[in-house]
Amino acid sequence: MRGPSPVVPVPAPRHLEPFLEMLAAERGAAQATIAAYRNDITDAARWSKRGAFEAATAEDLRGYLTRLARVGTAPRSVARKLSALRQFFRFLVLERIRGDDPTTQLDGPRLGRPLPKALGESEVSALLSAARARPGADGARLVCLLELLYGSGLRVSELVGLPLAAARGDKRFLLVRGKGDKERLVPVSPPARAALDTYLQERNRYLKGGAESRYLFPSRGGTGHLTRERCAQLLKRLAGEAGLDPKRLSPHVLRHAFASHLVDRGADLRSVQEMLGHADIATTQIYTHVMGDRLQKLVATHHPLARKKP
């Protein structure tokens, strides 16, 4: 009785390595990004009907995307793979390896608008209370992290990478270096400033042997500063102490809470966009669901026709 046929490995597309080298050299793509592109394009090549993947047609690629949907691949994963294919075939056209781009004929999957995980104002208050109950330097640092994530809407990467100099300027603002190396000013509320001043008195406890560090949140680890992973661990542990499900809490959820609560209390999207550091207001428009709820309540409460009895 014959066994299953051996799996024949499919060679990577001939121009994949030059494409990945371009991503690294010209666009400064991270290793994780390059690895994702390699996997996505190699996976598509495995299902191509052409001898050379570079000769794939729009129909070939459409069949591949249809197969992904059939086996239950999440729409966002399909969209990511399609994005990788678009970049690859655009590269082939620019390098004059082929004359047309077959991906221009492809439609991406419909993506549902993801809503942020909900975290109420009372839950944030519970987190702050639990952090303030922590004694010493650990409590002071936790309160400061919370106040800056929730009070200023920082990305966790922006927060842990803050230089010490950022805390020594205008006390009303922090100068933050965000995505694309762009700088922006974010507001610092009086409670956040008070938490920052308290933490600065304890900061030396996180320095090894009195060494200097340019980071606001130094660490004795290899990065020299508190890592994103460690920050997330601290928050999840704090969630348990505050009576919340740790799975619901992350630095990004606090950033969402910052934006959602601002919009809920009447802030306009343009201002929220600036504070979050979104390059495109379309990214900020995810919070319009909060605005819609607020406006509906406003009309139901104050409009004369809404209060009329039938």
Foldseek 3Di string as FASTA:
>chain_A
DDDDDDDDQQDQAPCLVVLLVCCCPVVVDDPVVSVLLRVLRSVLSVQAPDSHCLPGALVSSVVVLVVCVVVPNDLVVSQVSLVSLQSVNVVCCVVVVDPDRRSVPDDGDDDDLDAFQDDDPVLLVLLLVLLCPDDDLSSLVSNLLLQCLQVQLEDLVQQFQAFPVQLVPPLQWGWTQDPPRDTAITGHDPSNSVSLVVNVVRQCVQDPPSDDARTSAAHPDDVRTDDQVNSLVSSLVSCVSSVHHSVSDHSNSSSSNNLLVCLLVPDDLVVNCRSNVPPDSVVSCSSVVSNVVSVVVVCCVPPPVNPDDD
